[in-house]
Amino acid sequence: RFDHDALALPSVRSVILLEGVNDLTADVTAAQL
């Protein structure tokens, strides 16, 4: 969803990416994340 929700916005210059805690609870590895 990154392209639609962030990158496709008009005049977007920067994004703060805060994601990952839900991935941790699904037992992904650090390398995968």
Full PDB file with SEQRES, HELIX, SHEET, SSBOND, CRYST1, ORIGX, SCALE, CONECT and MASTER records, all heavy atoms in Angstrom:
SEQRES   1 A   33  ARG PHE ASP HIS ASP ALA LEU ALA LEU PRO SER VAL ARG          
SEQRES   2 A   33  SER VAL ILE LEU LEU GLU GLY VAL ASN ASP LEU THR ALA          
SEQRES   3 A   33  ASP VAL THR ALA ALA GLN LEU                                  
HELIX    1 AA1 PHE A    2  PHE A    2  1                                   1    
HELIX    2 AA2 ASP A    3  LEU A    7  3                                   5    
HELIX    3 AA3 VAL A   21  LEU A   24  1                                   4    
CRYST1    1.000    1.000    1.000  90.00  90.00  90.00 P 1           1          
ORIGX1      1.000000  0.000000  0.000000        0.00000                         
ORIGX2      0.000000  1.000000  0.000000        0.00000                         
ORIGX3      0.000000  0.000000  1.000000        0.00000                         
SCALE1      1.000000  0.000000  0.000000        0.00000                         
SCALE2      0.000000  1.000000  0.000000        0.00000                         
SCALE3      0.000000  0.000000  1.000000        0.00000                         
ATOM      1  N   ARG A   1       0.793  -1.226   0.000  1.00  0.00           N  
ATOM      2  CA  ARG A   1       0.000   0.000   0.000  1.00  0.00           C  
ATOM      3  C   ARG A   1       0.830   1.283   0.000  1.00  0.00           C  
ATOM      4  O   ARG A   1       0.311   2.375  -0.108  1.00  0.00           O  
ATOM      5  CB  ARG A   1      -0.992   0.006   1.161  1.00  0.00           C  
ATOM      6  CG  ARG A   1      -0.406   0.073   2.525  1.00  0.00           C  
ATOM      7  CD  ARG A   1      -1.497  -0.114   3.606  1.00  0.00           C  
ATOM      8  NE  ARG A   1      -1.005   0.280   4.900  1.00  0.00           N  
ATOM      9  CZ  ARG A   1      -1.227   1.443   5.486  1.00  0.00           C  
ATOM     10  NH1 ARG A   1      -1.977   2.337   4.918  1.00  0.00           N  
ATOM     11  NH2 ARG A   1      -0.705   1.713   6.663  1.00  0.00           N  
ATOM     12  N   PHE A   2       2.150   1.155   0.094  1.00  0.00           N  
ATOM     13  CA  PHE A   2       3.033   2.304   0.200  1.00  0.00           C  
ATOM     14  C   PHE A   2       2.915   3.245  -0.999  1.00  0.00           C  
ATOM     15  O   PHE A   2       2.853   4.462  -0.836  1.00  0.00           O  
ATOM     16  CB  PHE A   2       4.474   1.813   0.359  1.00  0.00           C  
ATOM     17  CG  PHE A   2       5.472   2.862   0.737  1.00  0.00           C  
ATOM     18  CD1 PHE A   2       5.322   3.602   1.894  1.00  0.00           C  
ATOM     19  CD2 PHE A   2       6.591   3.078  -0.050  1.00  0.00           C  
ATOM     20  CE1 PHE A   2       6.261   4.551   2.266  1.00  0.00           C  
ATOM     21  CE2 PHE A   2       7.542   4.013   0.306  1.00  0.00           C  
ATOM     22  CZ  PHE A   2       7.381   4.756   1.465  1.00  0.00           C  
ATOM     23  N   ASP A   3       2.887   2.683  -2.206  1.00  0.00           N  
ATOM     24  CA  ASP A   3       2.774   3.530  -3.401  1.00  0.00           C  
ATOM     25  C   ASP A   3       1.510   4.380  -3.337  1.00  0.00           C  
ATOM     26  O   ASP A   3       1.560   5.602  -3.521  1.00  0.00           O  
ATOM     27  CB  ASP A   3       2.761   2.683  -4.676  1.00  0.00           C  
ATOM     28  CG  ASP A   3       4.098   2.024  -4.952  1.00  0.00           C  
ATOM     29  OD1 ASP A   3       5.130   2.711  -4.862  1.00  0.00           O  
ATOM     30  OD2 ASP A   3       4.096   0.818  -5.231  1.00  0.00           O  
ATOM     31  N   HIS A   4       0.377   3.758  -3.066  1.00  0.00           N  
ATOM     32  CA  HIS A   4      -0.905   4.467  -3.034  1.00  0.00           C  
ATOM     33  C   HIS A   4      -1.008   5.426  -1.855  1.00  0.00           C  
ATOM     34  O   HIS A   4      -1.408   6.574  -2.001  1.00  0.00           O  
ATOM     35  CB  HIS A   4      -2.053   3.459  -2.994  1.00  0.00           C  
ATOM     36  CG  HIS A   4      -3.390   4.093  -2.849  1.00  0.00           C  
ATOM     37  ND1 HIS A   4      -3.964   4.344  -1.621  1.00  0.00           N  
ATOM     38  CD2 HIS A   4      -4.274   4.543  -3.769  1.00  0.00           C  
ATOM     39  CE1 HIS A   4      -5.138   4.930  -1.790  1.00  0.00           C  
ATOM     40  NE2 HIS A   4      -5.347   5.052  -3.089  1.00  0.00           N  
ATOM     41  N   ASP A   5      -0.668   4.953  -0.662  1.00  0.00           N  
ATOM     42  CA  ASP A   5      -0.901   5.735   0.550  1.00  0.00           C  
ATOM     43  C   ASP A   5       0.111   6.844   0.779  1.00  0.00           C  
ATOM     44  O   ASP A   5      -0.187   7.800   1.493  1.00  0.00           O  
ATOM     45  CB  ASP A   5      -0.900   4.820   1.779  1.00  0.00           C  
ATOM     46  CG  ASP A   5      -2.134   3.939   1.852  1.00  0.00           C  
ATOM     47  OD1 ASP A   5      -2.984   4.011   0.951  1.00  0.00           O  
ATOM     48  OD2 ASP A   5      -2.234   3.167   2.824  1.00  0.00           O  
ATOM     49  N   ALA A   6       1.295   6.727   0.231  1.00  0.00           N  
ATOM     50  CA  ALA A   6       2.334   7.728   0.491  1.00  0.00           C  
ATOM     51  C   ALA A   6       2.915   8.323  -0.786  1.00  0.00           C  
ATOM     52  O   ALA A   6       2.882   9.526  -0.986  1.00  0.00           O  
ATOM     53  CB  ALA A   6       3.446   7.109   1.338  1.00  0.00           C  
ATOM     54  N   LEU A   7       3.419   7.480  -1.653  1.00  0.00           N  
ATOM     55  CA  LEU A   7       4.183   7.993  -2.790  1.00  0.00           C  
ATOM     56  C   LEU A   7       3.328   8.635  -3.868  1.00  0.00           C  
ATOM     57  O   LEU A   7       3.821   9.479  -4.622  1.00  0.00           O  
ATOM     58  CB  LEU A   7       5.038   6.881  -3.377  1.00  0.00           C  
ATOM     59  CG  LEU A   7       6.034   6.249  -2.397  1.00  0.00           C  
ATOM     60  CD1 LEU A   7       6.821   5.147  -3.085  1.00  0.00           C  
ATOM     61  CD2 LEU A   7       6.949   7.294  -1.780  1.00  0.00           C  
ATOM     62  N   ALA A   8       2.073   8.270  -3.975  1.00  0.00           N  
ATOM     63  CA  ALA A   8       1.209   8.838  -5.014  1.00  0.00           C  
ATOM     64  C   ALA A   8       0.583  10.169  -4.606  1.00  0.00           C  
ATOM     65  O   ALA A   8      -0.095  10.803  -5.413  1.00  0.00           O  
ATOM     66  CB  ALA A   8       0.102   7.836  -5.373  1.00  0.00           C  
ATOM     67  N   LEU A   9       0.824  10.609  -3.390  1.00  0.00           N  
ATOM     68  CA  LEU A   9       0.244  11.876  -2.944  1.00  0.00           C  
ATOM     69  C   LEU A   9       0.912  13.035  -3.673  1.00  0.00           C  
ATOM     70  O   LEU A   9       2.123  13.021  -3.901  1.00  0.00           O  
ATOM     71  CB  LEU A   9       0.410  12.034  -1.435  1.00  0.00           C  
ATOM     72  CG  LEU A   9      -0.304  10.974  -0.597  1.00  0.00           C  
ATOM     73  CD1 LEU A   9       0.048  11.129   0.877  1.00  0.00           C  
ATOM     74  CD2 LEU A   9      -1.803  11.066  -0.794  1.00  0.00           C  
ATOM     75  N   PRO A  10       0.138  14.050  -4.020  1.00  0.00           N  
ATOM     76  CA  PRO A  10       0.733  15.174  -4.745  1.00  0.00           C  
ATOM     77  C   PRO A  10       1.782  15.903  -3.899  1.00  0.00           C  
ATOM     78  O   PRO A  10       1.571  16.138  -2.712  1.00  0.00           O  
ATOM     79  CB  PRO A  10      -0.462  16.096  -5.048  1.00  0.00           C  
ATOM     80  CG  PRO A  10      -1.601  15.584  -4.256  1.00  0.00           C  
ATOM     81  CD  PRO A  10      -1.282  14.217  -3.785  1.00  0.00           C  
ATOM     82  N   SER A  11       2.900  16.184  -4.499  1.00  0.00           N  
ATOM     83  CA  SER A  11       3.985  16.968  -3.900  1.00  0.00           C  
ATOM     84  C   SER A  11       4.622  16.322  -2.675  1.00  0.00           C  
ATOM     85  O   SER A  11       5.251  17.013  -1.879  1.00  0.00           O  
ATOM     86  CB  SER A  11       3.495  18.382  -3.535  1.00  0.00           C  
ATOM     87  OG  SER A  11       2.981  19.033  -4.664  1.00  0.00           O  
ATOM     88  N   VAL A  12       4.482  15.028  -2.504  1.00  0.00           N  
ATOM     89  CA  VAL A  12       5.115  14.366  -1.358  1.00  0.00           C  
ATOM     90  C   VAL A  12       6.626  14.503  -1.481  1.00  0.00           C  
ATOM     91  O   VAL A  12       7.190  14.344  -2.558  1.00  0.00           O  
ATOM     92  CB  VAL A  12       4.693  12.884  -1.228  1.00  0.00           C  
ATOM     93  CG1 VAL A  12       5.173  12.047  -2.391  1.00  0.00           C  
ATOM     94  CG2 VAL A  12       5.202  12.294   0.081  1.00  0.00           C  
ATOM     95  N   ARG A  13       7.260  14.898  -0.379  1.00  0.00           N  
ATOM     96  CA  ARG A  13       8.715  15.062  -0.349  1.00  0.00           C  
ATOM     97  C   ARG A  13       9.382  14.139   0.643  1.00  0.00           C  
ATOM     98  O   ARG A  13      10.538  13.796   0.484  1.00  0.00           O  
ATOM     99  CB  ARG A  13       9.077  16.511  -0.008  1.00  0.00           C  
ATOM    100  CG  ARG A  13       8.595  17.482  -1.053  1.00  0.00           C  
ATOM    101  CD  ARG A  13       9.091  18.876  -0.845  1.00  0.00           C  
ATOM    102  NE  ARG A  13       9.156  19.287   0.542  1.00  0.00           N  
ATOM    103  CZ  ARG A  13       9.076  20.537   0.951  1.00  0.00           C  
ATOM    104  NH1 ARG A  13       8.924  21.495   0.084  1.00  0.00           N  
ATOM    105  NH2 ARG A  13       9.160  20.834   2.222  1.00  0.00           N  
ATOM    106  N   SER A  14       8.662  13.785   1.697  1.00  0.00           N  
ATOM    107  CA  SER A  14       9.265  12.910   2.699  1.00  0.00           C  
ATOM    108  C   SER A  14       8.199  12.061   3.368  1.00  0.00           C  
ATOM    109  O   SER A  14       7.024  12.423   3.401  1.00  0.00           O  
ATOM    110  CB  SER A  14      10.037  13.722   3.743  1.00  0.00           C  
ATOM    111  OG  SER A  14       9.195  14.653   4.379  1.00  0.00           O  
ATOM    112  N   VAL A  15       8.659  10.921   3.876  1.00  0.00           N  
ATOM    113  CA  VAL A  15       7.792   9.963   4.549  1.00  0.00           C  
ATOM    114  C   VAL A  15       8.472   9.553   5.851  1.00  0.00           C  
ATOM    115  O   VAL A  15       9.682   9.307   5.871  1.00  0.00           O  
ATOM    116  CB  VAL A  15       7.585   8.704   3.673  1.00  0.00           C  
ATOM    117  CG1 VAL A  15       6.861   7.608   4.438  1.00  0.00           C  
ATOM    118  CG2 VAL A  15       6.850   9.042   2.398  1.00  0.00           C  
ATOM    119  N   ILE A  16       7.695   9.510   6.914  1.00  0.00           N  
ATOM    120  CA  ILE A  16       8.163   8.912   8.166  1.00  0.00           C  
ATOM    121  C   ILE A  16       7.577   7.513   8.204  1.00  0.00           C  
ATOM    122  O   ILE A  16       6.357   7.347   8.183  1.00  0.00           O  
ATOM    123  CB  ILE A  16       7.724   9.736   9.385  1.00  0.00           C  
ATOM    124  CG1 ILE A  16       8.349  11.126   9.334  1.00  0.00           C  
ATOM    125  CG2 ILE A  16       8.106   8.997  10.682  1.00  0.00           C  
ATOM    126  CD1 ILE A  16       7.830  12.081  10.402  1.00  0.00           C  
ATOM    127  N   LEU A  17       8.433   6.520   8.243  1.00  0.00           N  
ATOM    128  CA  LEU A  17       8.003   5.128   8.230  1.00  0.00           C  
ATOM    129  C   LEU A  17       8.113   4.556   9.634  1.00  0.00           C  
ATOM    130  O   LEU A  17       9.211   4.368  10.155  1.00  0.00           O  
ATOM    131  CB  LEU A  17       8.865   4.326   7.260  1.00  0.00           C  
ATOM    132  CG  LEU A  17       8.525   2.854   7.115  1.00  0.00           C  
ATOM    133  CD1 LEU A  17       7.130   2.676   6.531  1.00  0.00           C  
ATOM    134  CD2 LEU A  17       9.561   2.161   6.247  1.00  0.00           C  
ATOM    135  N   LEU A  18       6.974   4.318  10.241  1.00  0.00           N  
ATOM    136  CA  LEU A  18       6.911   3.705  11.565  1.00  0.00           C  
ATOM    137  C   LEU A  18       6.048   2.465  11.440  1.00  0.00           C  
ATOM    138  O   LEU A  18       4.825   2.532  11.449  1.00  0.00           O  
ATOM    139  CB  LEU A  18       6.324   4.674  12.598  1.00  0.00           C  
ATOM    140  CG  LEU A  18       6.093   4.091  13.998  1.00  0.00           C  
ATOM    141  CD1 LEU A  18       7.388   3.603  14.609  1.00  0.00           C  
ATOM    142  CD2 LEU A  18       5.417   5.121  14.891  1.00  0.00           C  
ATOM    143  N   GLU A  19       6.696   1.357  11.248  1.00  0.00           N  
ATOM    144  CA  GLU A  19       6.047   0.054  11.055  1.00  0.00           C  
ATOM    145  C   GLU A  19       6.920  -1.000  11.693  1.00  0.00           C  
ATOM    146  O   GLU A  19       8.116  -0.808  11.845  1.00  0.00           O  
ATOM    147  CB  GLU A  19       5.944  -0.281   9.555  1.00  0.00           C  
ATOM    148  CG  GLU A  19       4.977   0.554   8.759  1.00  0.00           C  
ATOM    149  CD  GLU A  19       3.617  -0.111   8.633  1.00  0.00           C  
ATOM    150  OE1 GLU A  19       3.385  -1.158   9.262  1.00  0.00           O  
ATOM    151  OE2 GLU A  19       2.796   0.429   7.901  1.00  0.00           O  
ATOM    152  N   GLY A  20       6.336  -2.132  12.044  1.00  0.00           N  
ATOM    153  CA  GLY A  20       7.148  -3.265  12.438  1.00  0.00           C  
ATOM    154  C   GLY A  20       6.704  -4.014  13.674  1.00  0.00           C  
ATOM    155  O   GLY A  20       6.983  -5.201  13.778  1.00  0.00           O  
ATOM    156  N   VAL A  21       6.032  -3.354  14.615  1.00  0.00           N  
ATOM    157  CA  VAL A  21       5.684  -4.069  15.842  1.00  0.00           C  
ATOM    158  C   VAL A  21       4.740  -5.225  15.550  1.00  0.00           C  
ATOM    159  O   VAL A  21       4.866  -6.308  16.141  1.00  0.00           O  
ATOM    160  CB  VAL A  21       5.132  -3.129  16.938  1.00  0.00           C  
ATOM    161  CG1 VAL A  21       3.726  -2.652  16.644  1.00  0.00           C  
ATOM    162  CG2 VAL A  21       5.196  -3.812  18.300  1.00  0.00           C  
ATOM    163  N   ASN A  22       3.817  -5.044  14.621  1.00  0.00           N  
ATOM    164  CA  ASN A  22       2.903  -6.140  14.285  1.00  0.00           C  
ATOM    165  C   ASN A  22       3.629  -7.275  13.573  1.00  0.00           C  
ATOM    166  O   ASN A  22       3.275  -8.441  13.739  1.00  0.00           O  
ATOM    167  CB  ASN A  22       1.724  -5.630  13.463  1.00  0.00           C  
ATOM    168  CG  ASN A  22       0.856  -4.698  14.280  1.00  0.00           C  
ATOM    169  OD1 ASN A  22       0.499  -5.000  15.408  1.00  0.00           O  
ATOM    170  ND2 ASN A  22       0.539  -3.549  13.717  1.00  0.00           N  
ATOM    171  N   ASP A  23       4.648  -6.951  12.806  1.00  0.00           N  
ATOM    172  CA  ASP A  23       5.474  -7.996  12.195  1.00  0.00           C  
ATOM    173  C   ASP A  23       6.194  -8.801  13.279  1.00  0.00           C  
ATOM    174  O   ASP A  23       6.296 -10.019  13.173  1.00  0.00           O  
ATOM    175  CB  ASP A  23       6.500  -7.373  11.242  1.00  0.00           C  
ATOM    176  CG  ASP A  23       5.860  -6.743  10.030  1.00  0.00           C  
ATOM    177  OD1 ASP A  23       5.674  -7.445   9.028  1.00  0.00           O  
ATOM    178  OD2 ASP A  23       5.541  -5.545  10.094  1.00  0.00           O  
ATOM    179  N   LEU A  24       6.672  -8.116  14.303  1.00  0.00           N  
ATOM    180  CA  LEU A  24       7.364  -8.813  15.388  1.00  0.00           C  
ATOM    181  C   LEU A  24       6.450  -9.819  16.064  1.00  0.00           C  
ATOM    182  O   LEU A  24       6.886 -10.919  16.407  1.00  0.00           O  
ATOM    183  CB  LEU A  24       7.889  -7.830  16.432  1.00  0.00           C  
ATOM    184  CG  LEU A  24       8.951  -6.842  15.982  1.00  0.00           C  
ATOM    185  CD1 LEU A  24       9.348  -5.948  17.149  1.00  0.00           C  
ATOM    186  CD2 LEU A  24      10.148  -7.537  15.390  1.00  0.00           C  
ATOM    187  N   THR A  25       5.191  -9.445  16.245  1.00  0.00           N  
ATOM    188  CA  THR A  25       4.266 -10.365  16.909  1.00  0.00           C  
ATOM    189  C   THR A  25       3.890 -11.539  16.015  1.00  0.00           C  
ATOM    190  O   THR A  25       3.290 -12.500  16.487  1.00  0.00           O  
ATOM    191  CB  THR A  25       2.999  -9.640  17.407  1.00  0.00           C  
ATOM    192  OG1 THR A  25       2.273  -9.120  16.297  1.00  0.00           O  
ATOM    193  CG2 THR A  25       3.358  -8.525  18.380  1.00  0.00           C  
ATOM    194  N   ALA A  26       4.257 -11.475  14.748  1.00  0.00           N  
ATOM    195  CA  ALA A  26       4.054 -12.605  13.829  1.00  0.00           C  
ATOM    196  C   ALA A  26       5.351 -13.396  13.649  1.00  0.00           C  
ATOM    197  O   ALA A  26       5.454 -14.235  12.761  1.00  0.00           O  
ATOM    198  CB  ALA A  26       3.551 -12.102  12.478  1.00  0.00           C  
ATOM    199  N   ASP A  27       6.334 -13.078  14.491  1.00  0.00           N  
ATOM    200  CA  ASP A  27       7.601 -13.812  14.536  1.00  0.00           C  
ATOM    201  C   ASP A  27       8.413 -13.760  13.251  1.00  0.00           C  
ATOM    202  O   ASP A  27       9.059 -14.740  12.878  1.00  0.00           O  
ATOM    203  CB  ASP A  27       7.377 -15.266  14.984  1.00  0.00           C  
ATOM    204  CG  ASP A  27       6.862 -15.330  16.415  1.00  0.00           C  
ATOM    205  OD1 ASP A  27       7.324 -14.519  17.242  1.00  0.00           O  
ATOM    206  OD2 ASP A  27       5.993 -16.165  16.693  1.00  0.00           O  
ATOM    207  N   VAL A  28       8.416 -12.591  12.586  1.00  0.00           N  
ATOM    208  CA  VAL A  28       9.342 -12.435  11.463  1.00  0.00           C  
ATOM    209  C   VAL A  28      10.747 -12.226  12.024  1.00  0.00           C  
ATOM    210  O   VAL A  28      10.922 -11.864  13.188  1.00  0.00           O  
ATOM    211  CB  VAL A  28       8.955 -11.250  10.545  1.00  0.00           C  
ATOM    212  CG1 VAL A  28       7.563 -11.418   9.987  1.00  0.00           C  
ATOM    213  CG2 VAL A  28       9.111  -9.933  11.245  1.00  0.00           C  
ATOM    214  N   THR A  29      11.739 -12.461  11.210  1.00  0.00           N  
ATOM    215  CA  THR A  29      13.121 -12.252  11.634  1.00  0.00           C  
ATOM    216  C   THR A  29      13.528 -10.806  11.381  1.00  0.00           C  
ATOM    217  O   THR A  29      12.900 -10.084  10.579  1.00  0.00           O  
ATOM    218  CB  THR A  29      14.078 -13.178  10.874  1.00  0.00           C  
ATOM    219  OG1 THR A  29      14.098 -12.781   9.489  1.00  0.00           O  
ATOM    220  CG2 THR A  29      13.670 -14.643  11.015  1.00  0.00           C  
ATOM    221  N   ALA A  30      14.602 -10.407  12.026  1.00  0.00           N  
ATOM    222  CA  ALA A  30      15.141  -9.069  11.799  1.00  0.00           C  
ATOM    223  C   ALA A  30      15.525  -8.904  10.326  1.00  0.00           C  
ATOM    224  O   ALA A  30      15.244  -7.869   9.716  1.00  0.00           O  
ATOM    225  CB  ALA A  30      16.334  -8.814  12.702  1.00  0.00           C  
ATOM    226  N   ALA A  31      16.131  -9.917   9.755  1.00  0.00           N  
ATOM    227  CA  ALA A  31      16.551  -9.840   8.348  1.00  0.00           C  
ATOM    228  C   ALA A  31      15.357  -9.668   7.414  1.00  0.00           C  
ATOM    229  O   ALA A  31      15.418  -8.898   6.450  1.00  0.00           O  
ATOM    230  CB  ALA A  31      17.348 -11.082   7.960  1.00  0.00           C  
ATOM    231  N   GLN A  32      14.265 -10.356   7.686  1.00  0.00           N  
ATOM    232  CA  GLN A  32      13.064 -10.209   6.850  1.00  0.00           C  
ATOM    233  C   GLN A  32      12.503  -8.795   6.951  1.00  0.00           C  
ATOM    234  O   GLN A  32      12.148  -8.187   5.933  1.00  0.00           O  
ATOM    235  CB  GLN A  32      11.996 -11.223   7.273  1.00  0.00           C  
ATOM    236  CG  GLN A  32      12.331 -12.651   6.938  1.00  0.00           C  
ATOM    237  CD  GLN A  32      11.379 -13.639   7.605  1.00  0.00           C  
ATOM    238  OE1 GLN A  32      10.950 -13.455   8.744  1.00  0.00           O  
ATOM    239  NE2 GLN A  32      11.052 -14.712   6.884  1.00  0.00           N  
ATOM    240  N   LEU A  33      12.434  -8.269   8.155  1.00  0.00           N  
ATOM    241  CA  LEU A  33      11.893  -6.922   8.340  1.00  0.00           C  
ATOM    242  C   LEU A  33      12.813  -5.875   7.707  1.00  0.00           C  
ATOM    243  O   LEU A  33      12.349  -4.947   7.040  1.00  0.00           O  
ATOM    244  CB  LEU A  33      11.688  -6.654   9.830  1.00  0.00           C  
ATOM    245  CG  LEU A  33      10.807  -5.480  10.215  1.00  0.00           C  
ATOM    246  CD1 LEU A  33       9.486  -5.450   9.456  1.00  0.00           C  
ATOM    247  CD2 LEU A  33      10.540  -5.503  11.720  1.00  0.00           C  
TER     248      LEU A  33                                                      
MASTER        0    0    0    3    0    0    0    6  247    1    0    3          
END                                                                             
